C-alpha atoms as a PDB file:
ATOM      1  CA  ARG A   1      97.256  90.696 120.968  1.00  0.00           C
ATOM      2  CA  LEU A   2      96.774  92.516 117.703  1.00  0.00           C
ATOM      3  CA  ALA A   3      93.019  92.380 118.547  1.00  0.00           C
ATOM      4  CA  GLU A   4      93.649  94.187 121.738  1.00  0.00           C
ATOM      5  CA  GLN A   5      95.552  97.026 119.947  1.00  0.00           C
ATOM      6  CA  HIS A   6      93.057  97.217 116.962  1.00  0.00           C
ATOM      7  CA  GLY A   7      92.654 101.165 117.612  1.00  0.00           C
ATOM      8  CA  GLU A   8      96.424 101.707 117.331  1.00  0.00           C
ATOM      9  CA  LEU A   9      97.060  99.684 114.333  1.00  0.00           C
ATOM     10  CA  GLU A  10      98.453 100.905 111.077  1.00  0.00           C
ATOM     11  CA  PRO A  11      96.645  99.533 108.034  1.00  0.00           C
ATOM     12  CA  ALA A  12      99.208  96.874 107.316  1.00  0.00           C
ATOM     13  CA  GLU A  13      99.080  95.657 110.705  1.00  0.00           C
ATOM     14  CA  ARG A  14      95.333  95.595 110.697  1.00  0.00           C
ATOM     15  CA  HIS A  15      95.458  93.686 107.379  1.00  0.00           C
ATOM     16  CA  ARG A  16      97.535  91.089 109.093  1.00  0.00           C
ATOM     17  CA  MET A  17      95.021  90.775 112.043  1.00  0.00           C
ATOM     18  CA  ARG A  18      92.375  90.110 109.089  1.00  0.00           C
ATOM     19  CA  ILE A  19      94.759  87.325 107.705  1.00  0.00           C
ATOM     20  CA  CYS A  20      95.018  85.887 111.230  1.00  0.00           C
ATOM     21  CA  PHE A  21      91.286  85.862 111.635  1.00  0.00           C
ATOM     22  CA  LYS A  22      90.834  84.303 108.184  1.00  0.00           C
ATOM     23  CA  LYS A  23      93.111  81.400 109.080  1.00  0.00           C
ATOM     24  CA  LEU A  24      91.467  80.738 112.418  1.00  0.00           C
ATOM     25  CA  ARG A  25      88.061  80.546 110.672  1.00  0.00           C
ATOM     26  CA  TYR A  26      89.570  78.043 108.164  1.00  0.00           C
ATOM     27  CA  ALA A  27      90.866  76.096 111.043  1.00  0.00           C
ATOM     28  CA  VAL A  28      87.775  76.040 112.956  1.00  0.00           C
ATOM     29  CA  GLU A  29      85.806  75.014 109.876  1.00  0.00           C
ATOM     30  CA  PHE A  30      88.140  72.162 109.356  1.00  0.00           C
ATOM     31  CA  PHE A  31      87.066  70.750 112.828  1.00  0.00           C
ATOM     32  CA  THR A  32      83.421  71.476 112.333  1.00  0.00           C
ATOM     33  CA  PRO A  33      82.368  67.821 112.481  1.00  0.00           C
ATOM     34  CA  LEU A  34      84.214  67.546 115.955  1.00  0.00           C
ATOM     35  CA  LEU A  35      82.857  70.563 117.410  1.00  0.00           C
ATOM     36  CA  PRO A  36      79.244  71.125 118.878  1.00  0.00           C
ATOM     37  CA  ALA A  37      77.200  73.000 116.534  1.00  0.00           C
ATOM     38  CA  LYS A  38      75.402  74.981 119.289  1.00  0.00           C
ATOM     39  CA  ARG A  39      78.514  76.865 120.083  1.00  0.00           C
ATOM     40  CA  LEU A  40      79.939  76.723 116.567  1.00  0.00           C
ATOM     41  CA  LYS A  41      77.348  78.581 114.829  1.00  0.00           C
ATOM     42  CA  PRO A  42      77.516  81.736 116.996  1.00  0.00           C
ATOM     43  CA  TYR A  43      81.248  81.561 116.997  1.00  0.00           C
ATOM     44  CA  LEU A  44      81.625  81.374 113.347  1.00  0.00           C
ATOM     45  CA  SER A  45      78.959  84.105 112.711  1.00  0.00           C
ATOM     46  CA  ALA A  46      80.703  86.660 114.971  1.00  0.00           C
ATOM     47  CA  LEU A  47      84.197  85.637 113.340  1.00  0.00           C
ATOM     48  CA  GLY A  48      82.627  86.026 109.921  1.00  0.00           C
ATOM     49  CA  ARG A  49      81.488  89.673 110.841  1.00  0.00           C
ATOM     50  CA  LEU A  50      84.732  90.589 112.213  1.00  0.00           C
ATOM     51  CA  GLN A  51      86.397  89.404 108.791  1.00  0.00           C
ATOM     52  CA  ASP A  52      83.837  91.229 106.880  1.00  0.00           C
ATOM     53  CA  GLU A  53      84.477  94.402 108.817  1.00  0.00           C
ATOM     54  CA  LEU A  54      88.253  94.005 108.575  1.00  0.00           C
ATOM     55  CA  GLY A  55      87.788  93.323 104.817  1.00  0.00           C
ATOM     56  CA  LEU A  56      85.782  96.627 104.214  1.00  0.00           C
ATOM     57  CA  ILE A  57      88.427  98.517 106.138  1.00  0.00           C
ATOM     58  CA  ASN A  58      91.158  97.048 103.968  1.00  0.00           C
ATOM     59  CA  ASP A  59      89.291  97.471 100.665  1.00  0.00           C
ATOM     60  CA  HIS A  60      88.666 101.243 101.858  1.00  0.00           C
ATOM     61  CA  VAL A  61      92.443 101.635 102.504  1.00  0.00           C
ATOM     62  CA  THR A  62      93.337 100.324  98.989  1.00  0.00           C
ATOM     63  CA  ALA A  63      90.734 102.555  97.393  1.00  0.00           C
ATOM     64  CA  GLN A  64      92.177 105.515  99.366  1.00  0.00           C
ATOM     65  CA  ALA A  65      95.798 104.668  98.426  1.00  0.00           C
ATOM     66  CA  LEU A  66      94.523 104.428  94.687  1.00  0.00           C
ATOM     67  CA  LEU A  67      92.756 107.766  94.810  1.00  0.00           C
ATOM     68  CA  ASP A  68      95.551 109.436  96.431  1.00  0.00           C
ATOM     69  CA  GLU A  69      97.805 108.286  93.611  1.00  0.00           C
ATOM     70  CA  ALA A  70      95.430 109.455  90.967  1.00  0.00           C
ATOM     71  CA  LEU A  71      95.080 112.762  92.471  1.00  0.00           C
ATOM     72  CA  LYS A  72      98.449 113.465  93.916  1.00  0.00           C
ATOM     73  CA  ASN A  73      98.968 116.687  91.621  1.00  0.00           C
ATOM     74  CA  ARG A  74      95.488 117.870  92.210  1.00  0.00           C
ATOM     75  CA  PRO A  75      93.948 119.567  95.132  1.00  0.00           C
ATOM     76  CA  PRO A  76      91.894 117.065  97.410  1.00  0.00           C
ATOM     77  CA  GLY A  77      87.983 117.496  96.551  1.00  0.00           C
ATOM     78  CA  ALA A  78      84.758 116.265  98.007  1.00  0.00           C
ATOM     79  CA  ILE A  79      85.407 112.585  97.046  1.00  0.00           C
ATOM     80  CA  HIS A  80      88.718 112.920  99.234  1.00  0.00           C
ATOM     81  CA  GLY A  81      86.794 114.177 102.242  1.00  0.00           C
ATOM     82  CA  TRP A  82      84.038 111.564 101.804  1.00  0.00           C
ATOM     83  CA  MET A  83      86.726 108.757 101.614  1.00  0.00           C
ATOM     84  CA  TYR A  84      88.616 109.824 104.829  1.00  0.00           C
ATOM     85  CA  GLY A  85      85.351 110.258 106.942  1.00  0.00           C
ATOM     86  CA  ARG A  86      84.238 106.816 105.546  1.00  0.00           C
ATOM     87  CA  HIS A  87      87.305 105.298 106.686  1.00  0.00           C
ATOM     88  CA  GLU A  88      86.854 106.698 110.297  1.00  0.00           C
ATOM     89  CA  LEU A  89      83.204 105.464 110.329  1.00  0.00           C
ATOM     90  CA  LEU A  90      84.321 101.761 109.381  1.00  0.00           C
ATOM     91  CA  VAL A  91      87.359 101.947 111.789  1.00  0.00           C
ATOM     92  CA  SER A  92      84.580 102.940 114.413  1.00  0.00           C
ATOM     93  CA  GLU A  93      82.566 100.040 113.935  1.00  0.00           C
ATOM     94  CA  LEU A  94      85.406  97.662 114.474  1.00  0.00           C
ATOM     95  CA  PRO A  95      85.373  97.493 118.434  1.00  0.00           C
ATOM     96  CA  GLU A  96      81.789  96.191 118.349  1.00  0.00           C
ATOM     97  CA  ALA A  97      82.490  93.304 116.033  1.00  0.00           C
ATOM     98  CA  LEU A  98      85.578  92.358 118.109  1.00  0.00           C
ATOM     99  CA  ASP A  99      83.666  92.519 121.224  1.00  0.00           C
ATOM    100  CA  THR A 100      81.036  90.162 119.904  1.00  0.00           C
ATOM    101  CA  TRP A 101      83.554  87.679 118.818  1.00  0.00           C
ATOM    102  CA  LEU A 102      85.572  87.826 122.143  1.00  0.00           C
ATOM    103  CA  ALA A 103      82.237  87.369 124.028  1.00  0.00           C
ATOM    104  CA  GLN A 104      81.963  83.921 122.278  1.00  0.00           C
ATOM    105  CA  LYS A 105      82.956  81.043 124.010  1.00  0.00           C
ATOM    106  CA  ALA A 106      85.445  78.958 121.911  1.00  0.00           C
ATOM    107  CA  PRO A 107      83.570  75.934 120.388  1.00  0.00           C
ATOM    108  CA  TRP A 108      86.512  73.385 121.307  1.00  0.00           C
ATOM    109  CA  ASN A 109      86.552  74.266 125.158  1.00  0.00           C
END
């Protein structure tokens, strides 16, 4: 459900989604010996990419918060603008990673 609402999620909810995907990856990897490799490899690859995208976004949100705190009594500068622009770029790349993962057949079916 979180994945369907990814564009509307607050950073904490997006981080929660990242943790859910991480737990899913661990569960799938645990059952790797029982699952067909032909479907497992692309599924885990897409899941890994999705986790990477969500991790970059989370790291960026954390860096923004640290920057905001460090510069709270100063006018915003170029780095501030770059950080916020970069965040928008990272978030805009998430739908493709989600679509790629959603297009994979679950290896246990």
